[in-house]
N, C-alpha and C. Protein backbone atom coordinates (compact mmCIF):
# COMPACT_ATOMS: atom_id res chain seq x y z
N UNK A 1 -9.44 -87.30 -8.76
CA UNK A 1 -9.72 -85.93 -9.10
C UNK A 1 -9.02 -85.57 -10.41
N UNK A 2 -9.75 -84.95 -11.29
CA UNK A 2 -9.16 -84.51 -12.54
C UNK A 2 -8.82 -83.04 -12.40
N UNK A 3 -7.59 -82.77 -12.05
CA UNK A 3 -7.15 -81.40 -11.84
C UNK A 3 -5.69 -81.33 -12.19
N UNK A 4 -5.32 -80.29 -12.90
CA UNK A 4 -3.91 -80.14 -13.25
C UNK A 4 -3.40 -78.84 -12.67
N UNK A 5 -2.49 -78.96 -11.74
CA UNK A 5 -1.85 -77.79 -11.17
C UNK A 5 -0.60 -77.49 -11.98
N UNK A 6 -0.20 -76.24 -12.00
CA UNK A 6 0.96 -75.85 -12.80
C UNK A 6 2.03 -75.20 -11.95
N UNK A 7 3.22 -75.29 -12.43
CA UNK A 7 4.40 -74.63 -11.86
C UNK A 7 4.49 -74.84 -10.35
N UNK A 8 4.60 -73.74 -9.60
CA UNK A 8 4.81 -73.84 -8.15
C UNK A 8 3.70 -74.63 -7.47
N UNK A 9 2.46 -74.45 -7.91
CA UNK A 9 1.33 -75.14 -7.28
C UNK A 9 1.49 -76.65 -7.42
N UNK A 10 1.98 -77.10 -8.55
CA UNK A 10 2.19 -78.53 -8.77
C UNK A 10 3.28 -79.08 -7.84
N UNK A 11 4.36 -78.33 -7.72
CA UNK A 11 5.45 -78.74 -6.82
C UNK A 11 4.96 -78.74 -5.38
N UNK A 12 4.26 -77.70 -5.00
CA UNK A 12 3.72 -77.60 -3.64
C UNK A 12 2.81 -78.78 -3.34
N UNK A 13 1.89 -79.11 -4.28
CA UNK A 13 0.95 -80.21 -4.05
C UNK A 13 1.68 -81.55 -3.92
N UNK A 14 2.67 -81.79 -4.78
CA UNK A 14 3.45 -83.03 -4.70
C UNK A 14 4.11 -83.14 -3.32
N UNK A 15 4.59 -82.02 -2.80
CA UNK A 15 5.20 -81.99 -1.47
C UNK A 15 4.17 -82.31 -0.38
N UNK A 16 2.97 -81.77 -0.49
CA UNK A 16 1.90 -82.05 0.47
C UNK A 16 1.60 -83.55 0.47
N UNK A 17 1.47 -84.12 -0.72
CA UNK A 17 1.16 -85.55 -0.86
C UNK A 17 2.28 -86.39 -0.24
N UNK A 18 3.53 -86.03 -0.54
CA UNK A 18 4.68 -86.78 -0.01
C UNK A 18 4.75 -86.69 1.51
N UNK A 19 4.54 -85.50 2.06
CA UNK A 19 4.58 -85.33 3.52
C UNK A 19 3.50 -86.16 4.20
N UNK A 20 2.30 -86.16 3.62
CA UNK A 20 1.20 -86.93 4.20
C UNK A 20 1.54 -88.42 4.19
N UNK A 21 2.12 -88.88 3.10
CA UNK A 21 2.49 -90.30 2.99
C UNK A 21 3.55 -90.66 4.04
N UNK A 22 4.56 -89.80 4.19
CA UNK A 22 5.61 -90.04 5.19
C UNK A 22 5.05 -90.11 6.60
N UNK A 23 4.05 -89.29 6.87
CA UNK A 23 3.45 -89.24 8.21
C UNK A 23 2.37 -90.30 8.40
N UNK A 24 2.10 -91.09 7.35
CA UNK A 24 1.09 -92.14 7.44
C UNK A 24 -0.34 -91.62 7.40
N UNK A 25 -0.52 -90.39 6.94
CA UNK A 25 -1.86 -89.82 6.85
C UNK A 25 -2.55 -90.32 5.57
N UNK A 26 -3.86 -90.36 5.61
CA UNK A 26 -4.64 -90.80 4.44
C UNK A 26 -4.50 -89.79 3.30
N UNK A 27 -4.67 -90.30 2.08
CA UNK A 27 -4.65 -89.42 0.90
C UNK A 27 -5.85 -88.48 0.97
N UNK A 28 -5.66 -87.33 0.41
CA UNK A 28 -6.77 -86.37 0.30
C UNK A 28 -7.60 -86.80 -0.91
N UNK A 29 -8.82 -87.20 -0.64
CA UNK A 29 -9.66 -87.74 -1.72
C UNK A 29 -10.87 -86.88 -2.07
N UNK A 30 -11.15 -85.87 -1.28
CA UNK A 30 -12.32 -85.04 -1.58
C UNK A 30 -11.88 -83.66 -2.10
N UNK A 31 -12.71 -83.13 -2.98
CA UNK A 31 -12.44 -81.80 -3.53
C UNK A 31 -12.46 -80.76 -2.41
N UNK A 32 -13.40 -80.87 -1.48
CA UNK A 32 -13.50 -79.88 -0.39
C UNK A 32 -12.20 -79.82 0.42
N UNK A 33 -11.65 -80.98 0.74
CA UNK A 33 -10.41 -81.01 1.52
C UNK A 33 -9.25 -80.41 0.72
N UNK A 34 -9.17 -80.78 -0.56
CA UNK A 34 -8.10 -80.24 -1.41
C UNK A 34 -8.26 -78.73 -1.58
N UNK A 35 -9.49 -78.29 -1.80
CA UNK A 35 -9.75 -76.86 -1.97
C UNK A 35 -9.32 -76.08 -0.72
N UNK A 36 -9.63 -76.64 0.46
CA UNK A 36 -9.24 -75.98 1.70
C UNK A 36 -7.73 -75.86 1.82
N UNK A 37 -7.01 -76.90 1.45
CA UNK A 37 -5.53 -76.87 1.48
C UNK A 37 -5.00 -75.81 0.51
N UNK A 38 -5.57 -75.77 -0.70
CA UNK A 38 -5.15 -74.77 -1.70
C UNK A 38 -5.43 -73.35 -1.22
N UNK A 39 -6.61 -73.14 -0.64
CA UNK A 39 -6.96 -71.82 -0.11
C UNK A 39 -5.98 -71.39 0.98
N UNK A 40 -5.70 -72.32 1.89
CA UNK A 40 -4.79 -72.00 3.00
C UNK A 40 -3.42 -71.57 2.48
N UNK A 41 -2.97 -72.19 1.41
CA UNK A 41 -1.63 -71.91 0.89
C UNK A 41 -1.59 -70.68 -0.01
N UNK A 42 -2.59 -70.52 -0.87
CA UNK A 42 -2.48 -69.54 -1.94
C UNK A 42 -3.33 -68.29 -1.81
N UNK A 43 -4.35 -68.30 -0.97
CA UNK A 43 -5.16 -67.08 -0.82
C UNK A 43 -4.57 -66.20 0.27
N UNK A 44 -4.38 -64.93 -0.03
CA UNK A 44 -3.91 -64.03 1.03
C UNK A 44 -4.92 -64.01 2.17
N UNK A 45 -4.46 -63.82 3.38
CA UNK A 45 -5.34 -63.87 4.55
C UNK A 45 -6.46 -62.83 4.47
N UNK A 46 -6.22 -61.73 3.83
CA UNK A 46 -7.22 -60.67 3.76
C UNK A 46 -8.25 -60.87 2.64
N UNK A 47 -8.02 -61.85 1.77
CA UNK A 47 -8.90 -62.06 0.61
C UNK A 47 -10.36 -62.27 1.02
N UNK A 48 -10.59 -63.23 1.91
CA UNK A 48 -11.96 -63.49 2.34
C UNK A 48 -12.56 -62.31 3.09
N UNK A 49 -11.76 -61.70 3.96
CA UNK A 49 -12.26 -60.54 4.71
C UNK A 49 -12.66 -59.42 3.77
N UNK A 50 -11.84 -59.15 2.76
CA UNK A 50 -12.15 -58.09 1.79
C UNK A 50 -13.45 -58.40 1.04
N UNK A 51 -13.63 -59.66 0.65
CA UNK A 51 -14.83 -60.02 -0.10
C UNK A 51 -16.07 -60.04 0.78
N UNK A 52 -15.93 -60.46 2.05
CA UNK A 52 -17.07 -60.38 2.98
C UNK A 52 -17.49 -58.92 3.15
N UNK A 53 -16.51 -58.05 3.28
CA UNK A 53 -16.81 -56.63 3.45
C UNK A 53 -17.51 -56.07 2.21
N UNK A 54 -17.01 -56.44 1.02
CA UNK A 54 -17.65 -55.99 -0.23
C UNK A 54 -19.09 -56.48 -0.31
N UNK A 55 -19.30 -57.77 0.05
CA UNK A 55 -20.65 -58.32 0.00
C UNK A 55 -21.56 -57.63 1.02
N UNK A 56 -21.05 -57.41 2.21
CA UNK A 56 -21.82 -56.78 3.27
C UNK A 56 -22.25 -55.35 2.88
N UNK A 57 -21.38 -54.65 2.18
CA UNK A 57 -21.64 -53.25 1.82
C UNK A 57 -22.20 -53.07 0.41
N UNK A 58 -22.43 -54.16 -0.31
CA UNK A 58 -22.87 -54.06 -1.70
C UNK A 58 -24.24 -53.41 -1.81
N UNK A 59 -24.32 -52.39 -2.62
CA UNK A 59 -25.58 -51.71 -2.92
C UNK A 59 -25.70 -51.58 -4.43
N UNK A 60 -26.92 -51.58 -4.91
CA UNK A 60 -27.15 -51.45 -6.34
C UNK A 60 -26.64 -50.11 -6.85
N UNK A 61 -26.95 -49.04 -6.14
CA UNK A 61 -26.49 -47.72 -6.56
C UNK A 61 -26.89 -47.41 -7.99
N UNK A 62 -25.92 -47.06 -8.82
CA UNK A 62 -26.19 -46.70 -10.22
C UNK A 62 -26.13 -47.91 -11.16
N UNK A 63 -25.84 -49.09 -10.60
CA UNK A 63 -25.77 -50.30 -11.42
C UNK A 63 -27.18 -50.74 -11.82
N UNK A 64 -27.25 -51.42 -12.94
CA UNK A 64 -28.53 -52.04 -13.32
C UNK A 64 -28.75 -53.24 -12.40
N UNK A 65 -29.96 -53.73 -12.37
CA UNK A 65 -30.26 -54.92 -11.56
C UNK A 65 -29.40 -56.09 -12.03
N UNK A 66 -29.21 -56.20 -13.33
CA UNK A 66 -28.40 -57.29 -13.89
C UNK A 66 -26.95 -57.18 -13.41
N UNK A 67 -26.38 -55.99 -13.42
CA UNK A 67 -25.00 -55.79 -12.95
C UNK A 67 -24.90 -56.06 -11.45
N UNK A 68 -25.87 -55.57 -10.69
CA UNK A 68 -25.89 -55.80 -9.25
C UNK A 68 -25.97 -57.29 -8.94
N UNK A 69 -26.86 -57.99 -9.65
CA UNK A 69 -27.05 -59.42 -9.44
C UNK A 69 -25.76 -60.19 -9.75
N UNK A 70 -25.11 -59.84 -10.85
CA UNK A 70 -23.87 -60.51 -11.24
C UNK A 70 -22.80 -60.32 -10.16
N UNK A 71 -22.65 -59.09 -9.69
CA UNK A 71 -21.65 -58.80 -8.65
C UNK A 71 -22.00 -59.53 -7.35
N UNK A 72 -23.28 -59.54 -6.99
CA UNK A 72 -23.74 -60.24 -5.80
C UNK A 72 -23.40 -61.73 -5.87
N UNK A 73 -23.72 -62.35 -7.00
CA UNK A 73 -23.45 -63.78 -7.17
C UNK A 73 -21.95 -64.09 -7.16
N UNK A 74 -21.14 -63.23 -7.77
CA UNK A 74 -19.69 -63.44 -7.76
C UNK A 74 -19.14 -63.36 -6.34
N UNK A 75 -19.61 -62.39 -5.59
CA UNK A 75 -19.14 -62.26 -4.20
C UNK A 75 -19.60 -63.44 -3.34
N UNK A 76 -20.81 -63.93 -3.58
CA UNK A 76 -21.28 -65.12 -2.85
C UNK A 76 -20.34 -66.30 -3.09
N UNK A 77 -19.94 -66.47 -4.36
CA UNK A 77 -19.03 -67.57 -4.70
C UNK A 77 -17.67 -67.37 -4.06
N UNK A 78 -17.15 -66.16 -4.11
CA UNK A 78 -15.84 -65.88 -3.53
C UNK A 78 -15.84 -66.10 -2.02
N UNK A 79 -16.95 -65.73 -1.36
CA UNK A 79 -17.04 -65.87 0.09
C UNK A 79 -17.40 -67.28 0.52
N UNK A 80 -17.96 -68.06 -0.40
CA UNK A 80 -18.37 -69.43 -0.10
C UNK A 80 -19.20 -69.47 1.18
N UNK A 81 -20.21 -68.59 1.22
CA UNK A 81 -21.06 -68.46 2.40
C UNK A 81 -21.89 -69.71 2.65
N UNK A 82 -21.97 -70.07 3.89
CA UNK A 82 -22.82 -71.19 4.31
C UNK A 82 -23.97 -70.61 5.12
N UNK A 83 -24.84 -69.88 4.43
CA UNK A 83 -25.96 -69.28 5.15
C UNK A 83 -27.27 -69.82 4.61
N UNK A 84 -28.30 -69.66 5.39
CA UNK A 84 -29.64 -70.06 5.04
C UNK A 84 -30.08 -69.30 3.77
N UNK A 85 -30.85 -69.97 2.90
CA UNK A 85 -31.30 -69.35 1.65
C UNK A 85 -32.07 -68.06 1.92
N UNK A 86 -32.88 -68.06 2.96
CA UNK A 86 -33.65 -66.87 3.31
C UNK A 86 -32.73 -65.70 3.63
N UNK A 87 -31.63 -65.96 4.36
CA UNK A 87 -30.68 -64.90 4.67
C UNK A 87 -30.06 -64.33 3.40
N UNK A 88 -29.73 -65.20 2.45
CA UNK A 88 -29.14 -64.75 1.19
C UNK A 88 -30.13 -63.87 0.42
N UNK A 89 -31.39 -64.28 0.40
CA UNK A 89 -32.41 -63.50 -0.32
C UNK A 89 -32.60 -62.12 0.32
N UNK A 90 -32.61 -62.08 1.64
CA UNK A 90 -32.74 -60.80 2.35
C UNK A 90 -31.50 -59.94 2.12
N UNK A 91 -30.33 -60.56 2.10
CA UNK A 91 -29.08 -59.83 1.83
C UNK A 91 -29.15 -59.18 0.45
N UNK A 92 -29.64 -59.94 -0.54
CA UNK A 92 -29.78 -59.43 -1.91
C UNK A 92 -30.78 -58.27 -1.94
N UNK A 93 -31.92 -58.49 -1.32
CA UNK A 93 -32.99 -57.50 -1.30
C UNK A 93 -32.54 -56.20 -0.63
N UNK A 94 -31.77 -56.31 0.43
CA UNK A 94 -31.36 -55.11 1.18
C UNK A 94 -30.37 -54.24 0.39
N UNK A 95 -29.73 -54.80 -0.62
CA UNK A 95 -28.80 -54.01 -1.41
C UNK A 95 -29.42 -53.38 -2.65
N UNK A 96 -30.65 -53.79 -2.95
CA UNK A 96 -31.34 -53.25 -4.12
C UNK A 96 -31.77 -51.80 -3.91
N UNK A 97 -31.97 -51.11 -5.01
CA UNK A 97 -32.57 -49.77 -4.99
C UNK A 97 -33.85 -49.85 -4.14
N UNK A 98 -34.04 -48.88 -3.28
CA UNK A 98 -35.16 -48.91 -2.32
C UNK A 98 -36.52 -49.05 -3.00
N UNK A 99 -36.73 -48.32 -4.08
CA UNK A 99 -38.02 -48.37 -4.79
C UNK A 99 -38.27 -49.78 -5.33
N UNK A 100 -37.25 -50.36 -5.95
CA UNK A 100 -37.38 -51.72 -6.52
C UNK A 100 -37.64 -52.73 -5.40
N UNK A 101 -36.90 -52.60 -4.30
CA UNK A 101 -37.07 -53.53 -3.17
C UNK A 101 -38.48 -53.48 -2.62
N UNK A 102 -39.05 -52.28 -2.51
CA UNK A 102 -40.41 -52.15 -1.98
C UNK A 102 -41.44 -52.80 -2.91
N UNK A 103 -41.23 -52.67 -4.21
CA UNK A 103 -42.14 -53.30 -5.18
C UNK A 103 -42.04 -54.82 -5.07
N UNK A 104 -40.83 -55.34 -4.97
CA UNK A 104 -40.60 -56.79 -4.91
C UNK A 104 -41.18 -57.39 -3.63
N UNK A 105 -41.08 -56.69 -2.53
CA UNK A 105 -41.56 -57.21 -1.25
C UNK A 105 -43.05 -57.55 -1.28
N UNK A 106 -43.77 -56.99 -2.25
CA UNK A 106 -45.20 -57.26 -2.37
C UNK A 106 -45.48 -58.57 -3.10
N UNK A 107 -44.45 -59.19 -3.65
CA UNK A 107 -44.61 -60.43 -4.43
C UNK A 107 -43.92 -61.60 -3.72
N UNK A 108 -44.46 -62.80 -3.93
CA UNK A 108 -43.78 -63.97 -3.35
C UNK A 108 -42.53 -64.31 -4.16
N UNK A 109 -41.50 -64.77 -3.49
CA UNK A 109 -40.26 -65.21 -4.15
C UNK A 109 -39.66 -66.34 -3.33
N UNK A 110 -38.98 -67.24 -4.02
CA UNK A 110 -38.45 -68.41 -3.31
C UNK A 110 -36.99 -68.73 -3.66
N UNK A 111 -36.43 -68.03 -4.64
CA UNK A 111 -35.05 -68.29 -5.02
C UNK A 111 -34.39 -66.99 -5.47
N UNK A 112 -33.09 -67.02 -5.56
CA UNK A 112 -32.37 -65.83 -6.02
C UNK A 112 -32.71 -65.53 -7.48
N UNK A 113 -32.85 -66.57 -8.30
CA UNK A 113 -33.25 -66.35 -9.70
C UNK A 113 -34.61 -65.68 -9.78
N UNK A 114 -35.54 -66.18 -8.98
CA UNK A 114 -36.89 -65.63 -8.93
C UNK A 114 -36.85 -64.17 -8.47
N UNK A 115 -36.08 -63.91 -7.44
CA UNK A 115 -35.96 -62.57 -6.87
C UNK A 115 -35.32 -61.61 -7.87
N UNK A 116 -34.27 -62.05 -8.56
CA UNK A 116 -33.61 -61.16 -9.53
C UNK A 116 -34.51 -60.89 -10.73
N UNK A 117 -35.34 -61.88 -11.12
CA UNK A 117 -36.31 -61.65 -12.21
C UNK A 117 -37.33 -60.59 -11.80
N UNK A 118 -37.82 -60.70 -10.57
CA UNK A 118 -38.75 -59.69 -10.06
C UNK A 118 -38.09 -58.31 -10.02
N UNK A 119 -36.81 -58.29 -9.63
CA UNK A 119 -36.08 -57.01 -9.56
C UNK A 119 -35.95 -56.39 -10.94
N UNK A 120 -35.69 -57.22 -11.95
CA UNK A 120 -35.60 -56.71 -13.33
C UNK A 120 -36.93 -56.10 -13.77
N UNK A 121 -38.02 -56.79 -13.42
CA UNK A 121 -39.35 -56.26 -13.75
C UNK A 121 -39.60 -54.96 -12.99
N UNK A 122 -39.19 -54.92 -11.73
CA UNK A 122 -39.34 -53.70 -10.92
C UNK A 122 -38.53 -52.56 -11.49
N UNK A 123 -37.35 -52.87 -12.00
CA UNK A 123 -36.50 -51.85 -12.61
C UNK A 123 -37.16 -51.28 -13.86
N UNK A 124 -37.75 -52.16 -14.67
CA UNK A 124 -38.44 -51.73 -15.88
C UNK A 124 -39.63 -50.85 -15.52
N UNK A 125 -40.40 -51.25 -14.50
CA UNK A 125 -41.54 -50.46 -14.04
C UNK A 125 -41.09 -49.08 -13.56
N UNK A 126 -39.97 -49.05 -12.84
CA UNK A 126 -39.46 -47.78 -12.31
C UNK A 126 -39.09 -46.85 -13.46
N UNK A 127 -38.48 -47.41 -14.53
CA UNK A 127 -38.08 -46.58 -15.68
C UNK A 127 -39.30 -46.02 -16.39
N UNK A 128 -40.34 -46.84 -16.53
CA UNK A 128 -41.56 -46.42 -17.21
C UNK A 128 -42.27 -45.32 -16.42
N UNK A 129 -42.29 -45.48 -15.09
CA UNK A 129 -42.98 -44.50 -14.23
C UNK A 129 -42.16 -43.24 -14.04
N UNK A 130 -40.83 -43.41 -14.16
CA UNK A 130 -39.96 -42.42 -13.73
C UNK A 130 -39.53 -41.25 -14.36
């Protein structure tokens, strides 16, 4: 793994490696396993809960579709959700402005990129009509 930890994190990781060696445990060789160890040590317990709540309650509101999409994608990354793609698309759709969501529902979509492009077009249509 090509990763450089600094200061306390570096000392902490060296200690984890040494303890595992003393106990005869295998080296941590996967990024997922290392990431989980880092999260357990350095993320406050409420971090994931706070981000799940933000994602669950996220609404477009006065944000542009682009701003909403960016925030949605950032929260997805922070939450590291393991959900079906269809669930993610419905989650995104349910937070959009109601008028835009209704317009999009009339069109086929298969990915978040596709859905956000349709939402941008719907936003433009709403401004023109509005």
